[in-house]
Amino acid sequence: MPQQSVREMKQAERRGRVIQAAMRLASEGGYDAVHMRDVSAKADVAMGTIYRYFSSKDELLAASLVTWVKALRNRLAAHPGRGHTPAERLADTLSTASNVSERAVPLVKALITAMSSTDPAVIPHRVEVDGLMGDIIINGMGELPARVDIEGVRRVMTHVWSSSINRWVSGMAPTGSVAVELRRAADLLLGHLGTDGADGADGEVRASPPASASVARAAAAG
């Protein structure tokens, strides 16, 4: 194996340890409990090395959210949503996702808080999370009629998901509200579709596009 590949593997392993350490600290005490020195000690990675990977605490937590949502995406893909219609399947998938989030309150709130940072280094991670959420939504819908604007549904559902989870994290909405909002949005966008996605126009169905192949295997169980 080329020496460069070995070095890259070691760097990826250290980076993963740093992310896992940050997630453990956030799980224990939320956003304010994550300090770079503590991350360094828990991960057994030098501070200077951590700052080569992440320019700030917010970027580290934003990258941690990417890892967490990748794991969630993979778990949901292994257990498709239940229901006879696209709206029912999508609502079930997103309800499960919301329930997982609500069982990890300190962690999720810390990660979402970091994603709201104005730090420019957070932006690429925010874009990646948006794409992962889109994967979850598309996979959750199953088959749809050819006339349905799949990308439009994905974009609207992603906006509703982001908005509702931010309201929950900020204390503006109670626990359980995210699933309620997502179910309402799924019904409004897809509720006119019947069993197996057939509509009243031509009955033609097509499979939703596959999840993007560029995302990596999950490194955490959420």
N, C-alpha and C. Protein backbone atom coordinates (compact mmCIF):
# COMPACT_ATOMS: atom_id res chain seq x y z
N MET A 1 0.85 -1.20 0.00
CA MET A 1 0.00 0.00 0.00
C MET A 1 0.89 1.25 0.00
N PRO A 2 0.61 2.23 -0.85
CA PRO A 2 1.43 3.45 -0.90
C PRO A 2 1.46 4.14 0.46
N GLN A 3 2.63 4.75 0.75
CA GLN A 3 2.78 5.41 2.04
C GLN A 3 1.75 6.52 2.24
N GLN A 4 1.42 7.24 1.17
CA GLN A 4 0.44 8.32 1.28
C GLN A 4 -0.91 7.79 1.72
N SER A 5 -1.32 6.64 1.21
CA SER A 5 -2.60 6.06 1.58
C SER A 5 -2.62 5.67 3.05
N VAL A 6 -1.50 5.14 3.55
CA VAL A 6 -1.41 4.79 4.97
C VAL A 6 -1.54 6.05 5.82
N ARG A 7 -0.87 7.11 5.41
CA ARG A 7 -0.93 8.37 6.15
C ARG A 7 -2.35 8.93 6.16
N GLU A 8 -3.01 8.85 5.02
CA GLU A 8 -4.39 9.35 4.94
C GLU A 8 -5.32 8.54 5.83
N MET A 9 -5.11 7.24 5.88
CA MET A 9 -5.93 6.39 6.73
C MET A 9 -5.74 6.76 8.20
N LYS A 10 -4.50 7.02 8.59
CA LYS A 10 -4.23 7.41 9.98
C LYS A 10 -4.86 8.76 10.30
N GLN A 11 -4.80 9.67 9.35
CA GLN A 11 -5.41 10.98 9.56
C GLN A 11 -6.92 10.86 9.70
N ALA A 12 -7.54 10.01 8.87
CA ALA A 12 -8.98 9.81 8.94
C ALA A 12 -9.37 9.17 10.27
N GLU A 13 -8.54 8.25 10.76
CA GLU A 13 -8.82 7.60 12.04
C GLU A 13 -8.73 8.60 13.19
N ARG A 14 -7.72 9.48 13.15
CA ARG A 14 -7.60 10.50 14.20
C ARG A 14 -8.76 11.48 14.13
N ARG A 15 -9.11 11.88 12.92
CA ARG A 15 -10.24 12.80 12.75
C ARG A 15 -11.52 12.18 13.31
N GLY A 16 -11.71 10.89 13.03
CA GLY A 16 -12.89 10.20 13.55
C GLY A 16 -12.90 10.17 15.07
N ARG A 17 -11.74 9.96 15.69
CA ARG A 17 -11.67 9.94 17.15
C ARG A 17 -12.02 11.31 17.72
N VAL A 18 -11.58 12.35 17.05
CA VAL A 18 -11.89 13.71 17.51
C VAL A 18 -13.40 13.95 17.46
N ILE A 19 -14.04 13.56 16.37
CA ILE A 19 -15.48 13.74 16.22
C ILE A 19 -16.23 12.94 17.28
N GLN A 20 -15.81 11.69 17.50
CA GLN A 20 -16.49 10.87 18.51
C GLN A 20 -16.32 11.47 19.90
N ALA A 21 -15.16 12.01 20.19
CA ALA A 21 -14.93 12.63 21.50
C ALA A 21 -15.83 13.85 21.68
N ALA A 22 -15.93 14.67 20.64
CA ALA A 22 -16.79 15.85 20.72
C ALA A 22 -18.24 15.45 20.92
N MET A 23 -18.68 14.41 20.24
CA MET A 23 -20.06 13.95 20.38
C MET A 23 -20.33 13.41 21.78
N ARG A 24 -19.36 12.72 22.36
CA ARG A 24 -19.56 12.21 23.72
C ARG A 24 -19.69 13.37 24.72
N LEU A 25 -18.83 14.37 24.56
CA LEU A 25 -18.91 15.53 25.45
C LEU A 25 -20.24 16.26 25.28
N ALA A 26 -20.67 16.42 24.04
CA ALA A 26 -21.95 17.09 23.78
C ALA A 26 -23.11 16.28 24.34
N SER A 27 -23.03 14.97 24.26
CA SER A 27 -24.08 14.10 24.80
C SER A 27 -24.18 14.24 26.31
N GLU A 28 -23.05 14.46 26.96
CA GLU A 28 -23.02 14.56 28.41
C GLU A 28 -23.47 15.92 28.93
N GLY A 29 -23.12 16.99 28.21
CA GLY A 29 -23.42 18.31 28.76
C GLY A 29 -23.86 19.36 27.77
N GLY A 30 -24.12 18.98 26.53
CA GLY A 30 -24.58 19.95 25.54
C GLY A 30 -23.45 20.80 24.97
N TYR A 31 -23.83 21.85 24.29
CA TYR A 31 -22.89 22.71 23.56
C TYR A 31 -21.80 23.28 24.47
N ASP A 32 -22.19 23.78 25.62
CA ASP A 32 -21.23 24.45 26.51
C ASP A 32 -20.23 23.49 27.13
N ALA A 33 -20.50 22.19 27.07
CA ALA A 33 -19.60 21.21 27.67
C ALA A 33 -18.46 20.82 26.73
N VAL A 34 -18.52 21.26 25.50
CA VAL A 34 -17.50 20.89 24.52
C VAL A 34 -16.40 21.94 24.50
N HIS A 35 -15.24 21.57 24.99
CA HIS A 35 -14.05 22.42 24.98
C HIS A 35 -12.94 21.67 24.26
N MET A 36 -12.20 22.39 23.45
CA MET A 36 -11.21 21.74 22.61
C MET A 36 -10.15 20.99 23.43
N ARG A 37 -9.78 21.50 24.58
CA ARG A 37 -8.81 20.80 25.42
C ARG A 37 -9.39 19.47 25.91
N ASP A 38 -10.65 19.47 26.26
CA ASP A 38 -11.29 18.23 26.70
C ASP A 38 -11.41 17.25 25.54
N VAL A 39 -11.72 17.77 24.36
CA VAL A 39 -11.78 16.91 23.18
C VAL A 39 -10.41 16.27 22.92
N SER A 40 -9.36 17.08 23.05
CA SER A 40 -8.01 16.60 22.84
C SER A 40 -7.67 15.47 23.80
N ALA A 41 -8.02 15.67 25.07
CA ALA A 41 -7.72 14.65 26.08
C ALA A 41 -8.51 13.37 25.84
N LYS A 42 -9.79 13.52 25.54
CA LYS A 42 -10.65 12.34 25.37
C LYS A 42 -10.30 11.57 24.10
N ALA A 43 -9.90 12.28 23.06
CA ALA A 43 -9.56 11.63 21.80
C ALA A 43 -8.10 11.18 21.74
N ASP A 44 -7.29 11.68 22.68
CA ASP A 44 -5.85 11.41 22.68
C ASP A 44 -5.23 11.89 21.37
N VAL A 45 -5.61 13.11 21.01
CA VAL A 45 -5.09 13.76 19.81
C VAL A 45 -4.63 15.16 20.21
N ALA A 46 -3.44 15.55 19.78
CA ALA A 46 -2.88 16.85 20.16
C ALA A 46 -3.75 17.99 19.67
N MET A 47 -3.76 19.07 20.46
CA MET A 47 -4.57 20.24 20.09
C MET A 47 -4.19 20.77 18.72
N GLY A 48 -2.89 20.83 18.43
CA GLY A 48 -2.46 21.34 17.14
C GLY A 48 -3.00 20.51 16.00
N THR A 49 -3.06 19.20 16.21
CA THR A 49 -3.60 18.31 15.18
C THR A 49 -5.09 18.55 14.98
N ILE A 50 -5.80 18.75 16.08
CA ILE A 50 -7.25 19.01 15.99
C ILE A 50 -7.50 20.27 15.17
N TYR A 51 -6.71 21.30 15.41
CA TYR A 51 -6.93 22.56 14.69
C TYR A 51 -6.50 22.47 13.23
N ARG A 52 -5.74 21.45 12.87
CA ARG A 52 -5.47 21.24 11.45
C ARG A 52 -6.70 20.66 10.74
N TYR A 53 -7.51 19.92 11.49
CA TYR A 53 -8.73 19.35 10.94
C TYR A 53 -9.91 20.30 11.02
N PHE A 54 -10.02 21.03 12.11
CA PHE A 54 -11.18 21.89 12.38
C PHE A 54 -10.70 23.24 12.90
N SER A 55 -11.16 24.30 12.27
CA SER A 55 -10.68 25.63 12.64
C SER A 55 -11.33 26.16 13.91
N SER A 56 -12.42 25.56 14.35
CA SER A 56 -13.13 26.06 15.51
C SER A 56 -13.99 24.95 16.12
N LYS A 57 -14.47 25.20 17.31
CA LYS A 57 -15.41 24.28 17.96
C LYS A 57 -16.67 24.12 17.12
N ASP A 58 -17.15 25.21 16.53
CA ASP A 58 -18.38 25.12 15.74
C ASP A 58 -18.18 24.26 14.50
N GLU A 59 -17.01 24.38 13.86
CA GLU A 59 -16.78 23.53 12.70
C GLU A 59 -16.69 22.06 13.12
N LEU A 60 -16.06 21.80 14.25
CA LEU A 60 -15.97 20.43 14.75
C LEU A 60 -17.35 19.85 15.01
N LEU A 61 -18.21 20.61 15.65
CA LEU A 61 -19.57 20.11 15.94
C LEU A 61 -20.41 20.01 14.67
N ALA A 62 -20.18 20.91 13.72
CA ALA A 62 -20.89 20.81 12.45
C ALA A 62 -20.49 19.54 11.70
N ALA A 63 -19.20 19.22 11.73
CA ALA A 63 -18.73 17.98 11.11
C ALA A 63 -19.30 16.77 11.85
N SER A 64 -19.46 16.91 13.16
CA SER A 64 -20.05 15.83 13.96
C SER A 64 -21.50 15.61 13.56
N LEU A 65 -22.21 16.69 13.24
CA LEU A 65 -23.60 16.53 12.79
C LEU A 65 -23.65 15.78 11.46
N VAL A 66 -22.70 16.05 10.58
CA VAL A 66 -22.65 15.31 9.32
C VAL A 66 -22.52 13.82 9.60
N THR A 67 -21.62 13.46 10.51
CA THR A 67 -21.43 12.06 10.88
C THR A 67 -22.71 11.47 11.45
N TRP A 68 -23.37 12.23 12.31
CA TRP A 68 -24.58 11.74 12.97
C TRP A 68 -25.72 11.55 11.96
N VAL A 69 -25.89 12.49 11.04
CA VAL A 69 -26.97 12.38 10.06
C VAL A 69 -26.67 11.28 9.04
N LYS A 70 -25.40 11.06 8.71
CA LYS A 70 -25.06 9.93 7.84
C LYS A 70 -25.50 8.62 8.48
N ALA A 71 -25.21 8.49 9.77
CA ALA A 71 -25.61 7.26 10.47
C ALA A 71 -27.13 7.12 10.48
N LEU A 72 -27.83 8.22 10.72
CA LEU A 72 -29.29 8.20 10.72
C LEU A 72 -29.81 7.82 9.35
N ARG A 73 -29.25 8.39 8.30
CA ARG A 73 -29.66 8.07 6.93
C ARG A 73 -29.53 6.57 6.65
N ASN A 74 -28.39 6.01 7.07
CA ASN A 74 -28.16 4.59 6.81
C ASN A 74 -29.10 3.70 7.62
N ARG A 75 -29.39 4.08 8.85
CA ARG A 75 -30.32 3.30 9.67
C ARG A 75 -31.72 3.32 9.08
N LEU A 76 -32.15 4.49 8.64
CA LEU A 76 -33.50 4.60 8.07
C LEU A 76 -33.60 3.85 6.74
N ALA A 77 -32.53 3.85 5.96
CA ALA A 77 -32.54 3.14 4.68
C ALA A 77 -32.70 1.64 4.90
N ALA A 78 -32.19 1.15 6.03
CA ALA A 78 -32.29 -0.28 6.33
C ALA A 78 -33.67 -0.67 6.85
N HIS A 79 -34.46 0.32 7.24
CA HIS A 79 -35.80 0.07 7.77
C HIS A 79 -36.78 1.06 7.13
N PRO A 80 -37.21 0.80 5.91
CA PRO A 80 -38.09 1.74 5.19
C PRO A 80 -39.36 2.07 5.97
N GLY A 81 -39.84 3.28 5.74
CA GLY A 81 -41.07 3.72 6.40
C GLY A 81 -42.26 2.86 6.01
N ARG A 82 -43.19 2.74 6.94
CA ARG A 82 -44.40 1.94 6.70
C ARG A 82 -45.52 2.82 6.19
N GLY A 83 -46.37 2.25 5.35
CA GLY A 83 -47.51 2.99 4.84
C GLY A 83 -47.86 2.55 3.43
N HIS A 84 -49.09 2.83 3.03
CA HIS A 84 -49.56 2.42 1.71
C HIS A 84 -49.40 3.52 0.67
N THR A 85 -49.16 4.74 1.11
CA THR A 85 -49.03 5.85 0.18
C THR A 85 -47.69 6.56 0.42
N PRO A 86 -47.22 7.34 -0.56
CA PRO A 86 -45.97 8.09 -0.37
C PRO A 86 -46.03 9.00 0.86
N ALA A 87 -47.16 9.65 1.09
CA ALA A 87 -47.27 10.55 2.25
C ALA A 87 -47.13 9.77 3.55
N GLU A 88 -47.77 8.59 3.62
CA GLU A 88 -47.69 7.78 4.84
C GLU A 88 -46.27 7.28 5.07
N ARG A 89 -45.62 6.81 3.99
CA ARG A 89 -44.26 6.28 4.13
C ARG A 89 -43.28 7.38 4.55
N LEU A 90 -43.41 8.54 3.92
CA LEU A 90 -42.51 9.64 4.25
C LEU A 90 -42.73 10.12 5.69
N ALA A 91 -43.99 10.25 6.08
CA ALA A 91 -44.30 10.69 7.44
C ALA A 91 -43.76 9.70 8.46
N ASP A 92 -43.87 8.41 8.18
CA ASP A 92 -43.36 7.39 9.11
C ASP A 92 -41.84 7.47 9.21
N THR A 93 -41.17 7.62 8.07
CA THR A 93 -39.71 7.74 8.06
C THR A 93 -39.24 8.93 8.87
N LEU A 94 -39.87 10.09 8.64
CA LEU A 94 -39.44 11.30 9.31
C LEU A 94 -39.85 11.34 10.78
N SER A 95 -40.93 10.64 11.11
CA SER A 95 -41.31 10.51 12.52
C SER A 95 -40.25 9.71 13.27
N THR A 96 -39.77 8.65 12.64
CA THR A 96 -38.70 7.86 13.24
C THR A 96 -37.44 8.70 13.43
N ALA A 97 -37.10 9.49 12.41
CA ALA A 97 -35.93 10.36 12.50
C ALA A 97 -36.09 11.36 13.64
N SER A 98 -37.27 11.92 13.79
CA SER A 98 -37.52 12.88 14.87
C SER A 98 -37.42 12.23 16.24
N ASN A 99 -37.94 11.01 16.34
CA ASN A 99 -37.87 10.29 17.61
C ASN A 99 -36.43 10.00 18.01
N VAL A 100 -35.60 9.65 17.03
CA VAL A 100 -34.18 9.41 17.31
C VAL A 100 -33.54 10.69 17.83
N SER A 101 -33.85 11.81 17.21
CA SER A 101 -33.30 13.10 17.63
C SER A 101 -33.71 13.43 19.06
N GLU A 102 -34.96 13.17 19.38
CA GLU A 102 -35.48 13.54 20.69
C GLU A 102 -34.97 12.63 21.80
N ARG A 103 -34.37 11.50 21.44
CA ARG A 103 -33.76 10.63 22.45
C ARG A 103 -32.31 11.04 22.71
N ALA A 104 -31.80 12.00 21.97
CA ALA A 104 -30.42 12.46 22.14
C ALA A 104 -30.42 13.98 22.25
N VAL A 105 -31.24 14.50 23.15
CA VAL A 105 -31.49 15.94 23.21
C VAL A 105 -30.23 16.78 23.37
N PRO A 106 -29.37 16.55 24.39
CA PRO A 106 -28.19 17.42 24.55
C PRO A 106 -27.29 17.40 23.32
N LEU A 107 -27.09 16.20 22.77
CA LEU A 107 -26.23 16.08 21.59
C LEU A 107 -26.81 16.82 20.40
N VAL A 108 -28.06 16.54 20.07
CA VAL A 108 -28.66 17.16 18.88
C VAL A 108 -28.73 18.67 19.01
N LYS A 109 -29.09 19.14 20.19
CA LYS A 109 -29.17 20.59 20.39
C LYS A 109 -27.79 21.24 20.24
N ALA A 110 -26.75 20.57 20.73
CA ALA A 110 -25.39 21.11 20.58
C ALA A 110 -24.99 21.17 19.12
N LEU A 111 -25.29 20.12 18.38
CA LEU A 111 -24.89 20.07 16.97
C LEU A 111 -25.65 21.09 16.14
N ILE A 112 -26.94 21.23 16.41
CA ILE A 112 -27.74 22.21 15.66
C ILE A 112 -27.32 23.63 16.02
N THR A 113 -26.99 23.86 17.27
CA THR A 113 -26.50 25.19 17.68
C THR A 113 -25.25 25.56 16.90
N ALA A 114 -24.33 24.62 16.77
CA ALA A 114 -23.10 24.87 16.02
C ALA A 114 -23.39 25.15 14.55
N MET A 115 -24.38 24.47 13.99
CA MET A 115 -24.71 24.67 12.58
C MET A 115 -25.28 26.05 12.32
N SER A 116 -25.76 26.71 13.37
CA SER A 116 -26.31 28.06 13.22
C SER A 116 -25.23 29.12 13.30
N SER A 117 -23.99 28.71 13.50
CA SER A 117 -22.87 29.65 13.63
C SER A 117 -22.64 30.43 12.34
N THR A 118 -22.12 31.63 12.48
CA THR A 118 -21.76 32.44 11.31
C THR A 118 -20.35 32.12 10.81
N ASP A 119 -19.69 31.18 11.44
CA ASP A 119 -18.34 30.77 11.03
C ASP A 119 -18.40 30.24 9.60
N PRO A 120 -17.65 30.85 8.66
CA PRO A 120 -17.68 30.38 7.26
C PRO A 120 -17.30 28.91 7.11
N ALA A 121 -16.49 28.39 8.04
CA ALA A 121 -16.05 27.01 7.95
C ALA A 121 -17.20 26.03 8.14
N VAL A 122 -18.30 26.50 8.70
CA VAL A 122 -19.46 25.64 8.94
C VAL A 122 -20.26 25.41 7.65
N ILE A 123 -20.17 26.33 6.71
CA ILE A 123 -21.03 26.30 5.52
C ILE A 123 -20.94 24.99 4.74
N PRO A 124 -19.74 24.46 4.44
CA PRO A 124 -19.70 23.19 3.69
C PRO A 124 -20.39 22.04 4.42
N HIS A 125 -20.30 22.02 5.72
CA HIS A 125 -20.96 20.98 6.51
C HIS A 125 -22.48 21.16 6.47
N ARG A 126 -22.92 22.42 6.48
CA ARG A 126 -24.34 22.70 6.39
C ARG A 126 -24.89 22.20 5.05
N VAL A 127 -24.14 22.41 3.99
CA VAL A 127 -24.55 21.95 2.66
C VAL A 127 -24.62 20.42 2.63
N GLU A 128 -23.64 19.77 3.26
CA GLU A 128 -23.64 18.30 3.26
C GLU A 128 -24.82 17.74 4.06
N VAL A 129 -25.12 18.36 5.19
CA VAL A 129 -26.27 17.91 5.98
C VAL A 129 -27.56 18.08 5.19
N ASP A 130 -27.68 19.19 4.48
CA ASP A 130 -28.85 19.42 3.64
C ASP A 130 -29.02 18.29 2.62
N GLY A 131 -27.91 17.88 2.01
CA GLY A 131 -27.98 16.79 1.05
C GLY A 131 -28.36 15.47 1.68
N LEU A 132 -27.85 15.21 2.88
CA LEU A 132 -28.19 13.97 3.58
C LEU A 132 -29.66 13.94 3.97
N MET A 133 -30.18 15.08 4.43
CA MET A 133 -31.60 15.16 4.74
C MET A 133 -32.43 14.91 3.49
N GLY A 134 -31.97 15.43 2.37
CA GLY A 134 -32.66 15.19 1.11
C GLY A 134 -32.67 13.72 0.74
N ASP A 135 -31.56 13.02 1.00
CA ASP A 135 -31.51 11.58 0.75
C ASP A 135 -32.57 10.86 1.56
N ILE A 136 -32.68 11.23 2.85
CA ILE A 136 -33.66 10.59 3.73
C ILE A 136 -35.07 10.82 3.20
N ILE A 137 -35.35 12.03 2.77
CA ILE A 137 -36.68 12.36 2.27
C ILE A 137 -36.99 11.59 1.00
N ILE A 138 -36.08 11.58 0.05
CA ILE A 138 -36.31 10.89 -1.22
C ILE A 138 -36.49 9.39 -1.00
N ASN A 139 -35.63 8.80 -0.18
CA ASN A 139 -35.76 7.38 0.11
C ASN A 139 -37.08 7.07 0.82
N GLY A 140 -37.50 7.99 1.67
CA GLY A 140 -38.71 7.77 2.44
C GLY A 140 -39.97 7.79 1.60
N MET A 141 -39.97 8.49 0.47
CA MET A 141 -41.17 8.60 -0.34
C MET A 141 -41.47 7.34 -1.13
N GLY A 142 -40.44 6.60 -1.51
CA GLY A 142 -40.67 5.43 -2.34
C GLY A 142 -41.03 5.82 -3.76
N GLU A 143 -41.92 5.06 -4.40
CA GLU A 143 -42.29 5.32 -5.78
C GLU A 143 -43.28 6.48 -5.87
N LEU A 144 -43.07 7.31 -6.90
CA LEU A 144 -43.93 8.47 -7.13
C LEU A 144 -44.36 8.54 -8.59
N PRO A 145 -45.52 9.14 -8.87
CA PRO A 145 -45.93 9.33 -10.26
C PRO A 145 -44.91 10.18 -11.01
N ALA A 146 -44.81 9.95 -12.31
CA ALA A 146 -43.82 10.65 -13.13
C ALA A 146 -44.02 12.16 -13.12
N ARG A 147 -45.26 12.62 -12.90
CA ARG A 147 -45.53 14.06 -12.96
C ARG A 147 -45.15 14.79 -11.68
N VAL A 148 -44.84 14.06 -10.62
CA VAL A 148 -44.52 14.71 -9.34
C VAL A 148 -43.14 15.36 -9.43
N ASP A 149 -43.04 16.58 -8.95
CA ASP A 149 -41.76 17.29 -8.90
C ASP A 149 -40.99 16.79 -7.68
N ILE A 150 -40.24 15.72 -7.85
CA ILE A 150 -39.53 15.10 -6.73
C ILE A 150 -38.55 16.06 -6.08
N GLU A 151 -37.80 16.79 -6.91
CA GLU A 151 -36.83 17.73 -6.36
C GLU A 151 -37.53 18.85 -5.60
N GLY A 152 -38.66 19.30 -6.10
CA GLY A 152 -39.41 20.33 -5.39
C GLY A 152 -39.91 19.84 -4.03
N VAL A 153 -40.43 18.62 -3.99
CA VAL A 153 -40.87 18.04 -2.73
C VAL A 153 -39.70 17.93 -1.76
N ARG A 154 -38.56 17.47 -2.27
CA ARG A 154 -37.37 17.34 -1.42
C ARG A 154 -36.98 18.67 -0.81
N ARG A 155 -36.96 19.71 -1.63
CA ARG A 155 -36.54 21.02 -1.15
C ARG A 155 -37.50 21.56 -0.09
N VAL A 156 -38.79 21.47 -0.35
CA VAL A 156 -39.77 21.97 0.61
C VAL A 156 -39.71 21.19 1.92
N MET A 157 -39.63 19.87 1.82
CA MET A 157 -39.58 19.05 3.04
C MET A 157 -38.30 19.32 3.83
N THR A 158 -37.20 19.54 3.13
CA THR A 158 -35.95 19.86 3.83
C THR A 158 -36.06 21.18 4.57
N HIS A 159 -36.70 22.17 3.95
CA HIS A 159 -36.90 23.47 4.61
C HIS A 159 -37.78 23.32 5.85
N VAL A 160 -38.85 22.56 5.72
CA VAL A 160 -39.75 22.35 6.86
C VAL A 160 -39.01 21.64 7.99
N TRP A 161 -38.24 20.62 7.63
CA TRP A 161 -37.49 19.86 8.63
C TRP A 161 -36.50 20.76 9.36
N SER A 162 -35.72 21.54 8.60
CA SER A 162 -34.72 22.43 9.21
C SER A 162 -35.38 23.46 10.11
N SER A 163 -36.44 24.06 9.61
CA SER A 163 -37.13 25.10 10.38
C SER A 163 -37.73 24.54 11.66
N SER A 164 -38.39 23.40 11.57
CA SER A 164 -39.06 22.85 12.75
C SER A 164 -38.07 22.37 13.79
N ILE A 165 -36.94 21.81 13.36
CA ILE A 165 -35.97 21.36 14.34
C ILE A 165 -35.26 22.53 15.00
N ASN A 166 -35.07 23.63 14.26
CA ASN A 166 -34.49 24.83 14.85
C ASN A 166 -35.43 25.47 15.87
N ARG A 167 -36.72 25.42 15.60
CA ARG A 167 -37.70 25.95 16.56
C ARG A 167 -37.71 25.10 17.83
N TRP A 168 -37.58 23.78 17.67
CA TRP A 168 -37.53 22.90 18.83
C TRP A 168 -36.26 23.15 19.65
N VAL A 169 -35.12 23.24 18.98
CA VAL A 169 -33.84 23.45 19.66
C VAL A 169 -33.84 24.77 20.43
N SER A 170 -34.45 25.81 19.85
CA SER A 170 -34.46 27.13 20.49
C SER A 170 -35.51 27.25 21.59
N GLY A 171 -36.33 26.23 21.78
CA GLY A 171 -37.36 26.27 22.81
C GLY A 171 -38.66 26.90 22.37
N MET A 172 -38.78 27.22 21.09
CA MET A 172 -39.99 27.84 20.58
C MET A 172 -41.11 26.83 20.32
N ALA A 173 -40.75 25.56 20.27
CA ALA A 173 -41.73 24.51 20.00
C ALA A 173 -41.45 23.32 20.92
N PRO A 174 -42.47 22.60 21.34
CA PRO A 174 -42.29 21.50 22.30
C PRO A 174 -41.75 20.23 21.65
N THR A 175 -41.27 19.33 22.48
CA THR A 175 -40.86 18.01 22.01
C THR A 175 -42.03 17.32 21.32
N GLY A 176 -41.77 16.72 20.20
CA GLY A 176 -42.83 16.09 19.42
C GLY A 176 -43.33 16.95 18.28
N SER A 177 -43.02 18.23 18.32
CA SER A 177 -43.54 19.15 17.30
C SER A 177 -42.91 18.92 15.93
N VAL A 178 -41.66 18.46 15.91
CA VAL A 178 -40.99 18.26 14.62
C VAL A 178 -41.72 17.20 13.81
N ALA A 179 -42.05 16.08 14.44
CA ALA A 179 -42.77 15.01 13.73
C ALA A 179 -44.13 15.48 13.25
N VAL A 180 -44.81 16.29 14.07
CA VAL A 180 -46.13 16.80 13.70
C VAL A 180 -46.03 17.68 12.46
N GLU A 181 -45.06 18.59 12.44
CA GLU A 181 -44.89 19.49 11.30
C GLU A 181 -44.53 18.73 10.03
N LEU A 182 -43.66 17.73 10.17
CA LEU A 182 -43.25 16.96 9.00
C LEU A 182 -44.39 16.12 8.45
N ARG A 183 -45.19 15.56 9.34
CA ARG A 183 -46.34 14.78 8.89
C ARG A 183 -47.34 15.68 8.16
N ARG A 184 -47.56 16.88 8.68
CA ARG A 184 -48.48 17.82 8.03
C ARG A 184 -47.97 18.20 6.64
N ALA A 185 -46.66 18.48 6.55
CA ALA A 185 -46.09 18.87 5.27
C ALA A 185 -46.15 17.72 4.25
N ALA A 186 -45.87 16.51 4.71
CA ALA A 186 -45.93 15.35 3.81
C ALA A 186 -47.34 15.17 3.28
N ASP A 187 -48.33 15.36 4.14
CA ASP A 187 -49.72 15.20 3.70
C ASP A 187 -50.12 16.28 2.71
N LEU A 188 -49.68 17.51 2.96
CA LEU A 188 -50.02 18.61 2.05
C LEU A 188 -49.38 18.42 0.68
N LEU A 189 -48.15 17.92 0.65
CA LEU A 189 -47.44 17.77 -0.62
C LEU A 189 -47.79 16.49 -1.37
N LEU A 190 -48.06 15.42 -0.63
CA LEU A 190 -48.22 14.11 -1.26
C LEU A 190 -49.54 13.43 -0.95
N GLY A 191 -50.38 14.07 -0.15
CA GLY A 191 -51.61 13.43 0.30
C GLY A 191 -52.59 13.10 -0.81
N HIS A 192 -52.45 13.76 -1.97
CA HIS A 192 -53.37 13.49 -3.09
C HIS A 192 -53.01 12.20 -3.82
N LEU A 193 -51.85 11.61 -3.50
CA LEU A 193 -51.42 10.39 -4.17
C LEU A 193 -51.97 9.18 -3.45
N GLY A 194 -52.39 8.19 -4.22
CA GLY A 194 -52.99 7.01 -3.62
C GLY A 194 -52.00 5.91 -3.35
N THR A 195 -52.53 4.71 -3.16
CA THR A 195 -51.72 3.53 -2.88
C THR A 195 -50.71 3.32 -3.99
N ASP A 196 -49.47 2.99 -3.60
CA ASP A 196 -48.37 2.74 -4.52
C ASP A 196 -48.02 3.95 -5.37
N GLY A 197 -48.46 5.15 -4.94
CA GLY A 197 -48.07 6.37 -5.63
C GLY A 197 -48.86 6.69 -6.87
N ALA A 198 -49.89 5.90 -7.20
CA ALA A 198 -50.66 6.16 -8.42
C ALA A 198 -51.47 7.44 -8.27
N ASP A 199 -51.52 8.25 -9.35
CA ASP A 199 -52.34 9.44 -9.29
C ASP A 199 -53.47 9.33 -10.32
N GLY A 200 -54.25 10.37 -10.38
CA GLY A 200 -55.42 10.30 -11.24
C GLY A 200 -55.18 10.73 -12.65
N ALA A 201 -53.90 11.09 -12.97
CA ALA A 201 -53.63 11.60 -14.30
C ALA A 201 -53.31 10.47 -15.27
N ASP A 202 -52.20 9.80 -15.06
CA ASP A 202 -51.87 8.73 -15.99
C ASP A 202 -51.48 7.45 -15.28
N GLY A 203 -51.44 7.49 -13.96
CA GLY A 203 -51.15 6.29 -13.18
C GLY A 203 -49.72 5.80 -13.31
N GLU A 204 -48.89 6.49 -14.11
CA GLU A 204 -47.51 6.05 -14.30
C GLU A 204 -46.73 6.29 -13.03
N VAL A 205 -45.92 5.33 -12.64
CA VAL A 205 -45.09 5.50 -11.45
C VAL A 205 -43.64 5.36 -11.82
N ARG A 206 -42.78 5.96 -10.99
CA ARG A 206 -41.35 5.80 -11.18
C ARG A 206 -40.70 5.75 -9.82
N ALA A 207 -39.59 5.11 -9.76
CA ALA A 207 -38.89 5.02 -8.48
C ALA A 207 -38.22 6.34 -8.18
N SER A 208 -38.17 6.70 -6.90
CA SER A 208 -37.44 7.89 -6.50
C SER A 208 -35.97 7.69 -6.83
N PRO A 209 -35.25 8.78 -7.14
CA PRO A 209 -33.82 8.65 -7.43
C PRO A 209 -33.11 8.04 -6.24
N PRO A 210 -32.03 7.28 -6.45
CA PRO A 210 -31.30 6.67 -5.34
C PRO A 210 -30.59 7.72 -4.52
N ALA A 211 -30.28 7.39 -3.28
CA ALA A 211 -29.50 8.30 -2.44
C ALA A 211 -28.17 8.55 -3.11
N SER A 212 -27.59 9.73 -2.89
CA SER A 212 -26.33 10.05 -3.53
C SER A 212 -25.25 9.07 -3.11
N ALA A 213 -24.48 8.64 -4.07
CA ALA A 213 -23.47 7.60 -3.82
C ALA A 213 -22.21 8.18 -3.20
N SER A 214 -22.12 9.51 -3.11
CA SER A 214 -20.89 10.11 -2.66
C SER A 214 -20.72 10.13 -1.16
N VAL A 215 -21.80 9.91 -0.41
CA VAL A 215 -21.68 9.98 1.04
C VAL A 215 -21.05 8.71 1.58
N ALA A 216 -20.29 8.84 2.67
CA ALA A 216 -19.57 7.70 3.23
C ALA A 216 -20.39 6.90 4.20
N ARG A 217 -19.89 5.74 4.55
CA ARG A 217 -20.56 4.89 5.55
C ARG A 217 -20.57 5.58 6.90
N ALA A 218 -21.64 5.43 7.69
CA ALA A 218 -21.77 6.11 8.98
C ALA A 218 -20.68 5.65 9.94
N ALA A 219 -20.20 6.61 10.74
CA ALA A 219 -19.15 6.29 11.71
C ALA A 219 -19.67 6.24 13.12
N ALA A 220 -20.97 6.52 13.29
CA ALA A 220 -21.54 6.48 14.63
C ALA A 220 -22.93 5.94 14.54
N ALA A 221 -23.45 5.46 15.64
CA ALA A 221 -24.79 4.86 15.65
C ALA A 221 -25.86 5.86 15.97
N GLY A 222 -25.55 7.13 16.17
CA GLY A 222 -26.56 8.14 16.47
C GLY A 222 -26.99 8.03 17.87
